[in-house]
N, C-alpha and C. Protein backbone atom coordinates (compact mmCIF):
# COMPACT_ATOMS: atom_id res chain seq x y z
N MET A 1 0.70 -0.92 -0.35
CA MET A 1 0.14 -0.04 0.23
C MET A 1 0.64 1.04 0.07
N LEU A 2 2.04 1.00 0.44
CA LEU A 2 2.78 1.90 0.28
C LEU A 2 3.13 3.01 -0.87
N PHE A 3 3.45 1.91 -1.89
CA PHE A 3 3.74 2.58 -3.10
C PHE A 3 2.69 2.40 -4.05
N ARG A 4 1.60 2.03 -3.70
CA ARG A 4 0.50 1.64 -4.88
C ARG A 4 -0.04 3.43 -5.28
N LYS A 5 -0.18 2.88 -6.77
CA LYS A 5 -0.76 4.42 -7.42
C LYS A 5 -2.27 4.70 -7.03
N LYS A 6 -3.25 3.67 -6.49
CA LYS A 6 -4.41 4.18 -6.10
C LYS A 6 -4.62 3.93 -4.91
N VAL A 7 -4.42 4.90 -3.78
CA VAL A 7 -4.71 4.78 -2.05
C VAL A 7 -6.11 5.00 -1.95
N PRO A 8 -6.51 3.89 -0.99
CA PRO A 8 -7.82 3.91 -0.14
C PRO A 8 -7.78 5.67 0.38
N ARG A 9 -8.83 6.42 0.21
CA ARG A 9 -8.51 7.58 0.46
C ARG A 9 -8.87 7.41 2.46
N SER A 10 -8.03 8.26 3.29
CA SER A 10 -8.53 8.19 4.50
C SER A 10 -8.11 9.56 5.32
N CYS A 11 -8.82 10.10 6.23
CA CYS A 11 -8.07 11.18 7.10
C CYS A 11 -7.07 10.73 7.49
N SER A 12 -7.18 9.68 8.04
CA SER A 12 -5.78 9.37 9.09
C SER A 12 -4.59 9.05 8.47
N TYR A 13 -4.39 8.96 7.14
CA TYR A 13 -3.20 9.50 6.79
C TYR A 13 -2.92 10.41 5.39
N CYS A 14 -3.66 11.44 5.26
CA CYS A 14 -3.71 12.84 4.87
C CYS A 14 -2.50 13.67 5.61
N ALA A 15 -2.23 14.27 4.35
CA ALA A 15 -0.74 15.49 4.91
C ALA A 15 -2.11 16.59 5.36
N CYS A 16 -2.73 16.71 5.66
CA CYS A 16 -4.28 17.56 5.65
C CYS A 16 -4.25 17.69 7.03
N GLY A 17 -4.15 16.24 7.57
CA GLY A 17 -4.69 15.94 9.31
C GLY A 17 -3.89 15.78 9.95
N THR A 18 -4.21 15.84 11.17
CA THR A 18 -3.07 15.44 12.49
C THR A 18 -4.30 14.59 13.39
N ARG A 19 -3.67 13.76 13.69
CA ARG A 19 -4.53 13.03 14.74
C ARG A 19 -4.68 13.40 16.09
N VAL A 20 -6.19 13.58 16.51
CA VAL A 20 -6.42 14.10 17.89
C VAL A 20 -6.68 12.60 18.78
N SER A 21 -7.11 12.07 18.16
CA SER A 21 -7.61 10.83 19.12
C SER A 21 -7.30 9.68 18.42
N ASP A 22 -7.94 8.20 18.82
CA ASP A 22 -8.01 7.22 17.85
C ASP A 22 -9.28 7.38 17.09
N GLU A 23 -10.16 8.10 17.56
CA GLU A 23 -11.16 8.40 16.26
C GLU A 23 -11.69 9.76 15.54
N GLN A 24 -10.60 10.68 15.93
CA GLN A 24 -11.05 12.02 15.34
C GLN A 24 -9.48 12.72 14.73
N ILE A 25 -9.70 13.41 13.50
CA ILE A 25 -8.76 13.98 12.99
C ILE A 25 -9.35 15.42 12.92
N LEU A 26 -8.03 16.13 13.35
CA LEU A 26 -8.07 17.95 13.14
C LEU A 26 -7.42 17.73 11.40
N CYS A 27 -8.51 18.35 10.85
CA CYS A 27 -8.11 18.82 9.49
C CYS A 27 -7.91 20.05 9.13
N THR A 28 -6.95 20.30 8.31
CA THR A 28 -6.46 22.04 8.57
C THR A 28 -7.81 22.44 7.21
N LYS A 29 -8.73 21.61 6.41
CA LYS A 29 -9.11 22.20 5.54
C LYS A 29 -10.68 22.12 6.38
N TYR A 30 -10.95 21.18 6.96
CA TYR A 30 -12.77 20.94 7.81
C TYR A 30 -12.67 20.90 8.86
N GLY A 31 -11.60 21.15 9.34
CA GLY A 31 -11.85 21.33 11.34
C GLY A 31 -11.63 19.74 11.64
N ILE A 32 -12.26 19.55 13.15
CA ILE A 32 -12.13 17.43 13.26
C ILE A 32 -13.39 16.76 12.71
N VAL A 33 -12.78 15.54 11.98
CA VAL A 33 -13.08 14.94 11.43
C VAL A 33 -13.04 13.45 11.84
N SER A 34 -14.28 12.47 11.54
CA SER A 34 -13.95 11.22 11.80
C SER A 34 -12.52 10.62 10.97
N VAL A 35 -12.34 9.67 11.58
CA VAL A 35 -10.59 8.94 10.66
C VAL A 35 -10.94 8.46 9.43
N TYR A 36 -12.11 7.73 9.53
CA TYR A 36 -12.64 7.45 7.99
C TYR A 36 -13.17 8.49 7.28
N TYR A 37 -13.27 9.57 7.43
CA TYR A 37 -13.59 10.91 6.45
C TYR A 37 -12.99 10.77 5.39
N ASP A 38 -13.04 11.18 4.16
CA ASP A 38 -12.47 11.35 3.21
C ASP A 38 -12.91 12.84 2.41
N CYS A 39 -12.10 13.61 2.06
CA CYS A 39 -12.34 14.53 0.81
C CYS A 39 -11.84 14.75 -0.41
N ARG A 40 -12.39 15.93 -1.46
CA ARG A 40 -11.40 16.08 -2.28
C ARG A 40 -10.12 16.62 -2.28
N LYS A 41 -9.96 16.94 -1.13
CA LYS A 41 -8.60 17.84 -0.66
C LYS A 41 -7.05 16.92 0.16
N PHE A 42 -7.94 15.65 -0.12
CA PHE A 42 -6.68 14.21 0.49
C PHE A 42 -5.64 14.16 -0.15
N VAL A 43 -4.85 14.45 0.34
CA VAL A 43 -3.38 14.30 0.20
C VAL A 43 -2.39 13.10 0.45
N TYR A 44 -2.08 11.91 -0.05
CA TYR A 44 -1.51 10.74 0.81
C TYR A 44 0.12 11.50 1.08
N ASP A 45 0.05 10.82 2.58
CA ASP A 45 1.67 10.95 3.21
C ASP A 45 1.88 9.84 3.65
N PRO A 46 2.98 9.31 2.89
CA PRO A 46 3.31 7.95 3.52
C PRO A 46 3.74 7.97 4.94
N CYS A 47 3.95 9.03 5.56
CA CYS A 47 4.92 8.68 6.73
C CYS A 47 3.63 8.74 7.76
N LYS A 48 2.65 9.07 7.73
CA LYS A 48 1.60 9.02 8.59
C LYS A 48 1.09 7.47 8.47
N ARG A 49 0.95 6.73 7.79
CA ARG A 49 0.56 5.42 7.51
C ARG A 49 1.47 4.44 8.60
N VAL A 50 0.29 3.67 9.02
CA VAL A 50 1.06 2.50 10.67
C VAL A 50 0.68 1.55 9.92
N PRO A 51 1.87 1.10 9.32
CA PRO A 51 1.90 -0.66 8.73
C PRO A 51 1.32 -1.63 10.29
N PRO A 52 0.11 -2.38 9.54
CA PRO A 52 0.06 -3.70 10.49
C PRO A 52 1.12 -4.65 11.37
N LYS A 53 0.95 -4.83 12.58
CA LYS A 53 1.91 -5.20 13.48
C LYS A 53 2.13 -6.90 12.43
N ALA A 54 3.72 -7.32 12.87
CA ALA A 54 4.02 -8.85 12.70
C ALA A 54 3.50 -9.42 13.41
N LYS A 55 2.90 -10.91 13.08
CA LYS A 55 2.75 -12.03 13.88
C LYS A 55 3.54 -12.70 14.22
N ALA A 56 3.33 -12.39 15.98
CA ALA A 56 4.32 -13.37 16.74
C ALA A 56 4.46 -15.10 16.25
N LEU A 57 6.10 -15.17 16.30
CA LEU A 57 6.39 -16.46 15.98
C LEU A 57 6.18 -17.52 16.60
N ASP A 58 5.76 -18.74 16.23
CA ASP A 58 5.52 -19.88 17.31
C ASP A 58 6.72 -20.91 17.23
N PHE A 59 7.50 -20.50 18.29
CA PHE A 59 8.40 -21.59 18.34
C PHE A 59 8.08 -23.03 19.34
N SER A 60 7.19 -22.98 19.56
CA SER A 60 6.95 -24.46 20.11
C SER A 60 7.09 -25.69 19.63
N LYS A 61 7.12 -25.68 18.38
CA LYS A 61 6.71 -26.68 17.73
C LYS A 61 8.19 -27.20 17.65
N TYR A 62 9.49 -26.45 17.89
CA TYR A 62 10.88 -26.57 17.50
C TYR A 62 11.34 -27.44 19.03
N ASP A 63 12.46 -27.82 18.59
CA ASP A 63 13.01 -28.67 20.05
C ASP A 63 14.43 -27.92 20.48
N LYS A 64 15.04 -28.10 21.58
CA LYS A 64 17.02 -27.46 21.37
C LYS A 64 17.58 -27.73 20.54
N GLU A 65 17.41 -29.36 20.01
CA GLU A 65 18.35 -29.87 18.77
C GLU A 65 18.17 -28.94 17.89
N ASP A 66 16.81 -28.51 17.49
CA ASP A 66 16.95 -27.60 16.17
C ASP A 66 17.73 -26.57 16.18
N PHE A 67 18.26 -26.04 17.06
CA PHE A 67 18.63 -24.50 17.32
C PHE A 67 20.47 -24.94 17.28
N THR A 68 20.49 -26.11 17.69
CA THR A 68 22.39 -26.42 17.95
C THR A 68 23.14 -26.57 16.43
N LEU A 69 23.97 -26.39 16.28
CA LEU A 69 24.83 -26.52 15.27
C LEU A 69 25.22 -27.97 15.53
């Protein structure tokens, strides 16, 4: 999603918006709006995008011998 041509519009990663809380964005054009709000002034800012967390690895299926040389 970081380098896609078409990015889904959302104020959560717009250059005009600043996050106030988990559900609100302070937009320079429209004031306080929802995170999911989008408008015609949307400008994608890749630095505001928060990538999903990585899954925790499950090492329980390995023995101690698997990690020795």
